[in-house]
Amino acid sequence: MPREPGAPGPAPARAPMDLREHLAAERTELAYVRTGLALMGFGFVVARFGLFLREIQSAKTGADMLHASVLPTVFGTAIVLLGVVLNILSARQYAQQVRRLNQVSPPGHPVSGLAISVSLGLAVIGIAMAGYLVVL
């Protein structure tokens, strides 16, 4: 006999989590990695576009126009750093999600080391890229 909602008694047993939940968490992590990588690439292009603008301005006027490249470099570097932050936060969120899923489901599925490594590796590359944009 089914239990009526709100009736006292033992809570129904939870169904074990499915592998689909873990795979969905990994797909979400990889989507965040893809977005972070796209942001870093776009930021690099924006920053280098400032160099292109400076060269065009220099060819027209014959003078070196430093201010023509500063703003795109700042915006581009900020976008690269936004991609870095996104990759770091996505790795943290993915690890927390898998830990939460493992508390509910009996068969523990490990955190994908490859997904975390790719995310953090791209974050390191992004930091190096931001340093390159600032120095050059």
N, C-alpha and C. Protein backbone atom coordinates (compact mmCIF):
# COMPACT_ATOMS: atom_id res chain seq x y z
N MET A 1 0.84 -1.17 0.00
CA MET A 1 0.00 0.00 0.00
C MET A 1 0.89 1.24 0.00
N PRO A 2 0.69 2.16 -0.95
CA PRO A 2 1.54 3.35 -1.01
C PRO A 2 1.27 4.29 0.16
N ARG A 3 2.30 4.95 0.56
CA ARG A 3 2.22 5.87 1.68
C ARG A 3 1.67 7.21 1.19
N GLU A 4 0.81 7.83 1.95
CA GLU A 4 0.26 9.13 1.58
C GLU A 4 1.29 10.21 1.87
N PRO A 5 1.31 11.25 1.02
CA PRO A 5 2.25 12.34 1.29
C PRO A 5 1.94 13.00 2.63
N GLY A 6 2.96 13.26 3.38
CA GLY A 6 2.82 13.90 4.68
C GLY A 6 2.50 12.95 5.81
N ALA A 7 2.28 11.68 5.50
CA ALA A 7 1.96 10.70 6.54
C ALA A 7 3.23 10.33 7.28
N PRO A 8 3.14 10.09 8.59
CA PRO A 8 4.34 9.71 9.34
C PRO A 8 4.79 8.31 8.94
N GLY A 9 6.04 8.08 9.11
CA GLY A 9 6.59 6.77 8.80
C GLY A 9 7.98 6.90 8.24
N PRO A 10 8.59 5.78 7.93
CA PRO A 10 9.96 5.84 7.41
C PRO A 10 9.98 6.48 6.02
N ALA A 11 11.06 7.20 5.77
CA ALA A 11 11.22 7.83 4.46
C ALA A 11 11.54 6.76 3.43
N PRO A 12 11.09 6.94 2.21
CA PRO A 12 11.39 5.94 1.18
C PRO A 12 12.89 5.90 0.90
N ALA A 13 13.38 4.74 0.58
CA ALA A 13 14.81 4.57 0.29
C ALA A 13 15.15 5.29 -1.01
N ARG A 14 16.31 5.91 -1.02
CA ARG A 14 16.76 6.60 -2.22
C ARG A 14 17.28 5.59 -3.23
N ALA A 15 16.98 5.87 -4.47
CA ALA A 15 17.51 5.02 -5.54
C ALA A 15 18.98 5.36 -5.74
N PRO A 16 19.80 4.35 -6.00
CA PRO A 16 21.21 4.64 -6.21
C PRO A 16 21.40 5.51 -7.45
N MET A 17 22.39 6.39 -7.38
CA MET A 17 22.67 7.28 -8.49
C MET A 17 23.13 6.48 -9.69
N ASP A 18 22.83 7.01 -10.80
CA ASP A 18 23.14 6.38 -12.07
C ASP A 18 24.47 6.91 -12.58
N LEU A 19 25.12 6.15 -13.42
CA LEU A 19 26.36 6.60 -14.04
C LEU A 19 26.11 7.85 -14.88
N ARG A 20 24.88 8.01 -15.36
CA ARG A 20 24.55 9.17 -16.19
C ARG A 20 24.77 10.47 -15.43
N GLU A 21 24.55 10.47 -14.14
CA GLU A 21 24.74 11.68 -13.33
C GLU A 21 26.22 12.09 -13.32
N HIS A 22 27.09 11.11 -13.19
CA HIS A 22 28.53 11.39 -13.19
C HIS A 22 29.00 11.84 -14.57
N LEU A 23 28.49 11.21 -15.59
CA LEU A 23 28.87 11.60 -16.95
C LEU A 23 28.34 13.00 -17.28
N ALA A 24 27.18 13.34 -16.78
CA ALA A 24 26.64 14.68 -16.99
C ALA A 24 27.52 15.72 -16.29
N ALA A 25 28.00 15.41 -15.10
CA ALA A 25 28.90 16.33 -14.39
C ALA A 25 30.19 16.52 -15.17
N GLU A 26 30.71 15.43 -15.75
CA GLU A 26 31.94 15.55 -16.54
C GLU A 26 31.71 16.33 -17.82
N ARG A 27 30.57 16.12 -18.47
CA ARG A 27 30.26 16.90 -19.69
C ARG A 27 30.15 18.38 -19.36
N THR A 28 29.57 18.69 -18.23
CA THR A 28 29.46 20.09 -17.82
C THR A 28 30.83 20.68 -17.57
N GLU A 29 31.70 19.93 -16.91
CA GLU A 29 33.08 20.39 -16.67
C GLU A 29 33.79 20.67 -17.98
N LEU A 30 33.66 19.76 -18.93
CA LEU A 30 34.35 19.94 -20.20
C LEU A 30 33.76 21.09 -21.01
N ALA A 31 32.48 21.36 -20.85
CA ALA A 31 31.87 22.53 -21.51
C ALA A 31 32.44 23.82 -20.92
N TYR A 32 32.63 23.84 -19.59
CA TYR A 32 33.26 25.00 -18.97
C TYR A 32 34.70 25.16 -19.43
N VAL A 33 35.42 24.07 -19.58
CA VAL A 33 36.80 24.13 -20.07
C VAL A 33 36.83 24.70 -21.48
N ARG A 34 35.92 24.25 -22.30
CA ARG A 34 35.84 24.74 -23.68
C ARG A 34 35.55 26.24 -23.70
N THR A 35 34.65 26.69 -22.83
CA THR A 35 34.32 28.11 -22.76
C THR A 35 35.50 28.92 -22.25
N GLY A 36 36.19 28.41 -21.23
CA GLY A 36 37.38 29.10 -20.72
C GLY A 36 38.48 29.21 -21.76
N LEU A 37 38.67 28.14 -22.52
CA LEU A 37 39.68 28.17 -23.58
C LEU A 37 39.30 29.17 -24.66
N ALA A 38 38.02 29.22 -25.02
CA ALA A 38 37.56 30.19 -26.02
C ALA A 38 37.76 31.62 -25.53
N LEU A 39 37.49 31.87 -24.25
CA LEU A 39 37.71 33.20 -23.69
C LEU A 39 39.19 33.58 -23.74
N MET A 40 40.06 32.63 -23.42
CA MET A 40 41.49 32.93 -23.45
C MET A 40 41.95 33.23 -24.88
N GLY A 41 41.46 32.46 -25.84
CA GLY A 41 41.82 32.71 -27.23
C GLY A 41 41.30 34.05 -27.72
N PHE A 42 40.06 34.36 -27.38
CA PHE A 42 39.46 35.63 -27.79
C PHE A 42 40.19 36.80 -27.14
N GLY A 43 40.56 36.66 -25.88
CA GLY A 43 41.30 37.72 -25.20
C GLY A 43 42.66 37.96 -25.85
N PHE A 44 43.31 36.90 -26.26
CA PHE A 44 44.60 37.04 -26.93
C PHE A 44 44.43 37.78 -28.25
N VAL A 45 43.39 37.44 -29.00
CA VAL A 45 43.14 38.11 -30.28
C VAL A 45 42.85 39.59 -30.05
N VAL A 46 42.05 39.91 -29.06
CA VAL A 46 41.74 41.32 -28.76
C VAL A 46 43.01 42.08 -28.40
N ALA A 47 43.86 41.47 -27.58
CA ALA A 47 45.09 42.14 -27.18
C ALA A 47 46.03 42.34 -28.37
N ARG A 48 46.14 41.36 -29.21
CA ARG A 48 47.02 41.49 -30.38
C ARG A 48 46.43 42.43 -31.43
N PHE A 49 45.12 42.61 -31.44
CA PHE A 49 44.51 43.56 -32.35
C PHE A 49 44.96 44.98 -32.02
N GLY A 50 45.23 45.25 -30.76
CA GLY A 50 45.78 46.55 -30.36
C GLY A 50 47.12 46.80 -31.01
N LEU A 51 47.95 45.77 -31.11
CA LEU A 51 49.24 45.91 -31.78
C LEU A 51 49.04 46.24 -33.26
N PHE A 52 48.06 45.59 -33.87
CA PHE A 52 47.73 45.86 -35.27
C PHE A 52 47.27 47.31 -35.44
N LEU A 53 46.44 47.79 -34.53
CA LEU A 53 45.98 49.18 -34.60
C LEU A 53 47.14 50.16 -34.46
N ARG A 54 48.05 49.84 -33.56
CA ARG A 54 49.21 50.72 -33.37
C ARG A 54 50.07 50.78 -34.63
N GLU A 55 50.25 49.66 -35.30
CA GLU A 55 51.04 49.64 -36.53
C GLU A 55 50.37 50.45 -37.64
N ILE A 56 49.06 50.34 -37.74
CA ILE A 56 48.34 51.11 -38.77
C ILE A 56 48.44 52.60 -38.46
N GLN A 57 48.25 52.97 -37.21
CA GLN A 57 48.33 54.38 -36.82
C GLN A 57 49.73 54.91 -37.04
N SER A 58 50.72 54.11 -36.74
CA SER A 58 52.11 54.52 -36.92
C SER A 58 52.43 54.72 -38.39
N ALA A 59 51.88 53.86 -39.25
CA ALA A 59 52.11 54.00 -40.69
C ALA A 59 51.44 55.25 -41.24
N LYS A 60 50.29 55.62 -40.71
CA LYS A 60 49.57 56.81 -41.19
C LYS A 60 50.24 58.10 -40.74
N THR A 61 50.60 58.17 -39.47
CA THR A 61 51.11 59.43 -38.92
C THR A 61 52.62 59.49 -38.85
N GLY A 62 53.26 58.37 -38.89
CA GLY A 62 54.71 58.34 -38.78
C GLY A 62 55.19 58.40 -37.34
N ALA A 63 54.27 58.51 -36.40
CA ALA A 63 54.64 58.57 -34.98
C ALA A 63 54.15 57.31 -34.29
N ASP A 64 54.83 56.95 -33.22
CA ASP A 64 54.42 55.77 -32.45
C ASP A 64 53.28 56.18 -31.52
N MET A 65 52.11 55.63 -31.74
CA MET A 65 50.94 55.96 -30.94
C MET A 65 50.73 54.86 -29.90
N LEU A 66 51.28 55.02 -28.72
CA LEU A 66 51.21 54.01 -27.68
C LEU A 66 49.79 53.83 -27.17
N HIS A 67 49.02 54.92 -27.05
CA HIS A 67 47.68 54.82 -26.48
C HIS A 67 46.73 54.02 -27.37
N ALA A 68 47.07 53.85 -28.64
CA ALA A 68 46.20 53.09 -29.55
C ALA A 68 46.21 51.60 -29.21
N SER A 69 47.21 51.12 -28.48
CA SER A 69 47.28 49.69 -28.20
C SER A 69 47.08 49.35 -26.73
N VAL A 70 47.04 50.33 -25.85
CA VAL A 70 46.95 50.06 -24.43
C VAL A 70 45.57 49.51 -24.06
N LEU A 71 44.51 50.14 -24.54
CA LEU A 71 43.16 49.72 -24.17
C LEU A 71 42.83 48.29 -24.64
N PRO A 72 43.09 47.95 -25.91
CA PRO A 72 42.83 46.55 -26.30
C PRO A 72 43.69 45.54 -25.54
N THR A 73 44.91 45.92 -25.18
CA THR A 73 45.76 45.01 -24.42
C THR A 73 45.20 44.78 -23.03
N VAL A 74 44.70 45.83 -22.40
CA VAL A 74 44.12 45.70 -21.06
C VAL A 74 42.86 44.84 -21.13
N PHE A 75 41.97 45.14 -22.09
CA PHE A 75 40.75 44.35 -22.22
C PHE A 75 41.06 42.90 -22.58
N GLY A 76 41.99 42.70 -23.49
CA GLY A 76 42.35 41.34 -23.89
C GLY A 76 42.92 40.54 -22.74
N THR A 77 43.80 41.16 -21.96
CA THR A 77 44.38 40.48 -20.81
C THR A 77 43.30 40.16 -19.77
N ALA A 78 42.36 41.08 -19.59
CA ALA A 78 41.27 40.83 -18.64
C ALA A 78 40.41 39.65 -19.10
N ILE A 79 40.17 39.54 -20.40
CA ILE A 79 39.38 38.42 -20.92
C ILE A 79 40.14 37.10 -20.76
N VAL A 80 41.45 37.13 -20.99
CA VAL A 80 42.27 35.93 -20.78
C VAL A 80 42.19 35.50 -19.31
N LEU A 81 42.31 36.45 -18.40
CA LEU A 81 42.24 36.13 -16.97
C LEU A 81 40.85 35.65 -16.56
N LEU A 82 39.81 36.14 -17.22
CA LEU A 82 38.47 35.64 -16.98
C LEU A 82 38.37 34.16 -17.37
N GLY A 83 38.99 33.79 -18.49
CA GLY A 83 39.03 32.39 -18.89
C GLY A 83 39.79 31.53 -17.89
N VAL A 84 40.86 32.07 -17.34
CA VAL A 84 41.64 31.34 -16.32
C VAL A 84 40.78 31.10 -15.08
N VAL A 85 40.10 32.13 -14.62
CA VAL A 85 39.24 32.01 -13.44
C VAL A 85 38.13 31.00 -13.70
N LEU A 86 37.55 31.04 -14.89
CA LEU A 86 36.49 30.10 -15.23
C LEU A 86 37.01 28.65 -15.18
N ASN A 87 38.20 28.41 -15.69
CA ASN A 87 38.76 27.05 -15.67
C ASN A 87 39.04 26.58 -14.24
N ILE A 88 39.55 27.46 -13.41
CA ILE A 88 39.84 27.07 -12.02
C ILE A 88 38.54 26.79 -11.27
N LEU A 89 37.57 27.67 -11.42
CA LEU A 89 36.30 27.47 -10.71
C LEU A 89 35.55 26.25 -11.22
N SER A 90 35.66 25.97 -12.51
CA SER A 90 34.96 24.79 -13.05
C SER A 90 35.58 23.50 -12.51
N ALA A 91 36.89 23.47 -12.35
CA ALA A 91 37.54 22.27 -11.78
C ALA A 91 37.08 22.07 -10.35
N ARG A 92 37.01 23.15 -9.59
CA ARG A 92 36.56 23.07 -8.20
C ARG A 92 35.10 22.61 -8.13
N GLN A 93 34.25 23.18 -8.97
CA GLN A 93 32.83 22.84 -8.96
C GLN A 93 32.63 21.38 -9.38
N TYR A 94 33.40 20.91 -10.35
CA TYR A 94 33.28 19.53 -10.80
C TYR A 94 33.66 18.56 -9.69
N ALA A 95 34.76 18.84 -9.01
CA ALA A 95 35.20 17.95 -7.93
C ALA A 95 34.16 17.92 -6.80
N GLN A 96 33.60 19.06 -6.47
CA GLN A 96 32.56 19.11 -5.43
C GLN A 96 31.32 18.33 -5.86
N GLN A 97 30.94 18.47 -7.12
CA GLN A 97 29.75 17.77 -7.63
C GLN A 97 29.93 16.26 -7.56
N VAL A 98 31.10 15.78 -7.96
CA VAL A 98 31.34 14.33 -7.94
C VAL A 98 31.37 13.84 -6.49
N ARG A 99 31.95 14.61 -5.58
CA ARG A 99 31.94 14.22 -4.17
C ARG A 99 30.51 14.15 -3.63
N ARG A 100 29.68 15.10 -4.01
CA ARG A 100 28.27 15.08 -3.58
C ARG A 100 27.55 13.86 -4.14
N LEU A 101 27.79 13.56 -5.40
CA LEU A 101 27.16 12.39 -6.02
C LEU A 101 27.64 11.10 -5.36
N ASN A 102 28.90 11.04 -4.98
CA ASN A 102 29.44 9.84 -4.35
C ASN A 102 28.90 9.64 -2.93
N GLN A 103 28.46 10.70 -2.28
CA GLN A 103 27.86 10.55 -0.96
C GLN A 103 26.49 9.91 -1.05
N VAL A 104 25.82 10.12 -2.16
CA VAL A 104 24.47 9.59 -2.34
C VAL A 104 24.49 8.20 -2.95
N SER A 105 25.42 7.98 -3.87
CA SER A 105 25.43 6.70 -4.59
C SER A 105 26.42 5.74 -3.96
N PRO A 106 26.03 4.48 -3.81
CA PRO A 106 26.94 3.49 -3.22
C PRO A 106 28.20 3.23 -4.04
N PRO A 107 28.10 2.98 -5.35
CA PRO A 107 29.34 2.74 -6.08
C PRO A 107 30.03 4.07 -6.37
N GLY A 108 31.12 4.33 -5.70
CA GLY A 108 31.82 5.61 -5.87
C GLY A 108 32.54 5.68 -7.20
N HIS A 109 32.23 6.71 -7.95
CA HIS A 109 32.92 6.97 -9.21
C HIS A 109 33.98 8.03 -8.94
N PRO A 110 35.20 7.80 -9.34
CA PRO A 110 36.26 8.76 -9.03
C PRO A 110 36.12 10.03 -9.85
N VAL A 111 36.70 11.09 -9.33
CA VAL A 111 36.79 12.34 -10.06
C VAL A 111 37.72 12.10 -11.25
N SER A 112 37.34 12.57 -12.41
CA SER A 112 38.16 12.39 -13.60
C SER A 112 39.42 13.24 -13.49
N GLY A 113 40.54 12.57 -13.34
CA GLY A 113 41.81 13.28 -13.23
C GLY A 113 42.16 14.01 -14.51
N LEU A 114 41.74 13.45 -15.64
CA LEU A 114 42.03 14.09 -16.92
C LEU A 114 41.29 15.41 -17.04
N ALA A 115 40.03 15.45 -16.65
CA ALA A 115 39.24 16.69 -16.74
C ALA A 115 39.84 17.77 -15.85
N ILE A 116 40.22 17.39 -14.63
CA ILE A 116 40.82 18.35 -13.71
C ILE A 116 42.18 18.81 -14.23
N SER A 117 42.98 17.89 -14.75
CA SER A 117 44.31 18.23 -15.26
C SER A 117 44.22 19.18 -16.45
N VAL A 118 43.30 18.91 -17.35
CA VAL A 118 43.14 19.79 -18.52
C VAL A 118 42.71 21.18 -18.07
N SER A 119 41.77 21.24 -17.15
CA SER A 119 41.28 22.52 -16.67
C SER A 119 42.38 23.33 -16.00
N LEU A 120 43.11 22.70 -15.10
CA LEU A 120 44.16 23.42 -14.38
C LEU A 120 45.37 23.70 -15.28
N GLY A 121 45.67 22.80 -16.21
CA GLY A 121 46.75 23.03 -17.17
C GLY A 121 46.46 24.23 -18.06
N LEU A 122 45.22 24.33 -18.52
CA LEU A 122 44.84 25.50 -19.33
C LEU A 122 44.87 26.78 -18.51
N ALA A 123 44.56 26.68 -17.22
CA ALA A 123 44.65 27.86 -16.36
C ALA A 123 46.09 28.34 -16.24
N VAL A 124 47.03 27.41 -16.12
CA VAL A 124 48.45 27.78 -16.05
C VAL A 124 48.89 28.41 -17.37
N ILE A 125 48.48 27.83 -18.48
CA ILE A 125 48.82 28.39 -19.79
C ILE A 125 48.21 29.78 -19.94
N GLY A 126 46.99 29.96 -19.45
CA GLY A 126 46.36 31.27 -19.52
C GLY A 126 47.08 32.32 -18.70
N ILE A 127 47.58 31.92 -17.52
CA ILE A 127 48.34 32.86 -16.70
C ILE A 127 49.63 33.26 -17.42
N ALA A 128 50.28 32.28 -18.04
CA ALA A 128 51.49 32.58 -18.81
C ALA A 128 51.17 33.50 -19.99
N MET A 129 50.03 33.26 -20.64
CA MET A 129 49.60 34.08 -21.77
C MET A 129 49.33 35.51 -21.31
N ALA A 130 48.67 35.67 -20.17
CA ALA A 130 48.40 37.00 -19.64
C ALA A 130 49.71 37.73 -19.30
N GLY A 131 50.67 37.00 -18.73
CA GLY A 131 51.97 37.60 -18.45
C GLY A 131 52.68 38.04 -19.72
N TYR A 132 52.58 37.22 -20.76
CA TYR A 132 53.17 37.58 -22.06
C TYR A 132 52.53 38.84 -22.62
N LEU A 133 51.21 38.95 -22.52
CA LEU A 133 50.51 40.11 -23.06
C LEU A 133 50.88 41.39 -22.28
N VAL A 134 51.08 41.26 -20.99
CA VAL A 134 51.41 42.43 -20.18
C VAL A 134 52.84 42.89 -20.46
N VAL A 135 53.76 41.93 -20.59
CA VAL A 135 55.17 42.27 -20.78
C VAL A 135 55.43 42.78 -22.19
N LEU A 136 54.81 42.18 -23.18
CA LEU A 136 55.10 42.56 -24.56
C LEU A 136 54.25 43.66 -25.07
